[in-house]
């Protein structure tokens, strides 16, 4: 047995103890039945889809131009384009024509 053997055993015990303390806990079992949302044949369940597509012209009454992209986790938009929130979606639009270039993701709230 070497001189460092007790220290190695103590270090291993410490690592195992910290691992046990920080391990993810299993979620508690759910009480009661979980019901799936009721979907009708003509409706899509889940988050609503945007009412527009790439290539559409953005209507100003449905548009909020993003003045501070960093608040949304965005970098500076490409030259000649702007970021905006339209119908709850972050979109990239052409600065002159307001044509939707891409739909990036949902925006739960206006931050700027």
Protein backbone atom coordinates (compact mmCIF):
# COMPACT_ATOMS: atom_id res chain seq x y z
CA UNK A 1 0.00 0.00 0.00
CA UNK A 2 1.38 3.39 -0.99
CA UNK A 3 1.27 6.60 0.97
CA UNK A 4 -1.30 8.13 -1.45
CA UNK A 5 -3.74 5.21 -1.25
CA UNK A 6 -5.87 6.66 1.63
CA UNK A 7 -6.08 10.00 -0.18
CA UNK A 8 -7.23 8.34 -3.40
CA UNK A 9 -9.92 6.44 -1.50
CA UNK A 10 -11.10 9.64 0.19
CA UNK A 11 -11.21 11.48 -3.16
CA UNK A 12 -13.21 8.68 -4.75
CA UNK A 13 -15.67 8.74 -1.84
CA UNK A 14 -16.03 12.50 -2.17
CA UNK A 15 -16.75 12.26 -5.89
CA UNK A 16 -19.36 9.55 -5.33
CA UNK A 17 -20.98 11.57 -2.53
CA UNK A 18 -21.19 14.75 -4.63
CA UNK A 19 -22.55 12.76 -7.56
CA UNK A 20 -25.28 11.27 -5.37
CA UNK A 21 -26.25 14.71 -4.05
CA UNK A 22 -26.44 16.35 -7.46
CA UNK A 23 -28.04 13.48 -9.37
CA UNK A 24 -31.36 14.22 -11.02
CA UNK A 25 -34.33 13.05 -9.05
CA UNK A 26 -36.98 10.90 -10.65
CA UNK A 27 -40.26 12.77 -11.10
CA UNK A 28 -43.06 11.74 -8.82
CA UNK A 29 -45.72 9.50 -10.26
CA UNK A 30 -48.69 11.43 -11.59
CA UNK A 31 -51.91 11.00 -9.68
CA UNK A 32 -54.94 10.62 -11.87
CA UNK A 33 -55.34 10.11 -15.58
CA UNK A 34 -53.67 12.36 -18.13
CA UNK A 35 -56.02 13.32 -20.91
CA UNK A 36 -54.79 14.25 -24.35
CA UNK A 37 -56.24 17.42 -25.88
CA UNK A 38 -59.35 16.78 -27.88
CA UNK A 39 -58.72 17.45 -31.55
CA UNK A 40 -61.35 17.90 -34.15
CA UNK A 41 -60.82 16.59 -37.66
CA UNK A 42 -60.44 20.04 -39.23
CA UNK A 43 -58.19 21.57 -36.55
CA UNK A 44 -54.52 21.05 -35.78
CA UNK A 45 -53.67 20.33 -32.14
CA UNK A 46 -50.72 21.98 -30.44
CA UNK A 47 -49.20 25.43 -30.99
CA UNK A 48 -50.94 27.41 -33.65
CA UNK A 49 -49.22 27.73 -36.98
CA UNK A 50 -48.42 31.19 -38.32
CA UNK A 51 -51.09 32.78 -40.48
CA UNK A 52 -48.47 33.67 -43.09
CA UNK A 53 -45.73 31.99 -45.11
CA UNK A 54 -42.29 32.85 -46.40
CA UNK A 55 -42.75 35.12 -49.40
CA UNK A 56 -45.87 36.87 -48.07
CA UNK A 57 -45.87 40.63 -47.61
CA UNK A 58 -46.05 41.60 -43.94
CA UNK A 59 -48.97 43.81 -42.96
CA UNK A 60 -47.94 46.74 -40.76
CA UNK A 61 -50.85 46.30 -38.35
CA UNK A 62 -49.55 42.78 -37.49
CA UNK A 63 -45.88 43.79 -37.34
CA UNK A 64 -43.58 44.94 -34.53
CA UNK A 65 -40.10 45.86 -35.76
CA UNK A 66 -37.36 44.62 -33.45
CA UNK A 67 -35.08 47.51 -32.51
CA UNK A 68 -32.80 45.53 -30.18
CA UNK A 69 -32.16 42.06 -31.67
CA UNK A 70 -29.88 41.02 -28.80
CA UNK A 71 -32.86 40.90 -26.43
CA UNK A 72 -34.23 38.08 -28.58
CA UNK A 73 -30.90 36.27 -28.91
CA UNK A 74 -30.42 37.52 -32.46
CA UNK A 75 -27.39 39.11 -34.10
CA UNK A 76 -27.51 42.04 -36.49
CA UNK A 77 -29.77 41.20 -39.45
CA UNK A 78 -28.27 40.87 -42.92
CA UNK A 79 -27.93 44.07 -44.93
CA UNK A 80 -31.27 45.23 -46.31
CA UNK A 81 -33.32 43.11 -43.91
CA UNK A 82 -34.99 43.58 -40.53
CA UNK A 83 -36.20 41.37 -37.71
CA UNK A 84 -39.79 41.71 -36.60
CA UNK A 85 -42.45 40.00 -34.51
CA UNK A 86 -45.51 39.12 -36.54
CA UNK A 87 -48.47 37.20 -35.10
CA UNK A 88 -46.27 35.88 -32.26
CA UNK A 89 -43.43 34.74 -34.54
CA UNK A 90 -39.97 36.25 -35.00
CA UNK A 91 -39.48 36.79 -38.72
CA UNK A 92 -36.83 38.26 -41.00
CA UNK A 93 -38.28 40.66 -43.57
CA UNK A 94 -36.92 42.67 -46.50
CA UNK A 95 -36.48 46.28 -45.37
CA UNK A 96 -37.97 47.86 -48.52
CA UNK A 97 -40.73 45.46 -49.57
CA UNK A 98 -41.65 43.90 -46.17
CA UNK A 99 -41.55 40.46 -47.81
CA UNK A 100 -41.14 37.68 -45.24
CA UNK A 101 -37.75 36.08 -45.88
CA UNK A 102 -37.79 33.54 -43.05
CA UNK A 103 -39.79 32.51 -39.99
CA UNK A 104 -37.33 32.01 -37.15
CA UNK A 105 -39.26 30.97 -34.05
CA UNK A 106 -42.06 31.87 -31.64
CA UNK A 107 -41.84 35.06 -29.60
CA UNK A 108 -43.88 34.68 -26.41
CA UNK A 109 -43.68 38.42 -25.69
CA UNK A 110 -42.39 41.72 -27.07
CA UNK A 111 -39.11 42.57 -25.36
CA UNK A 112 -38.23 45.97 -26.88
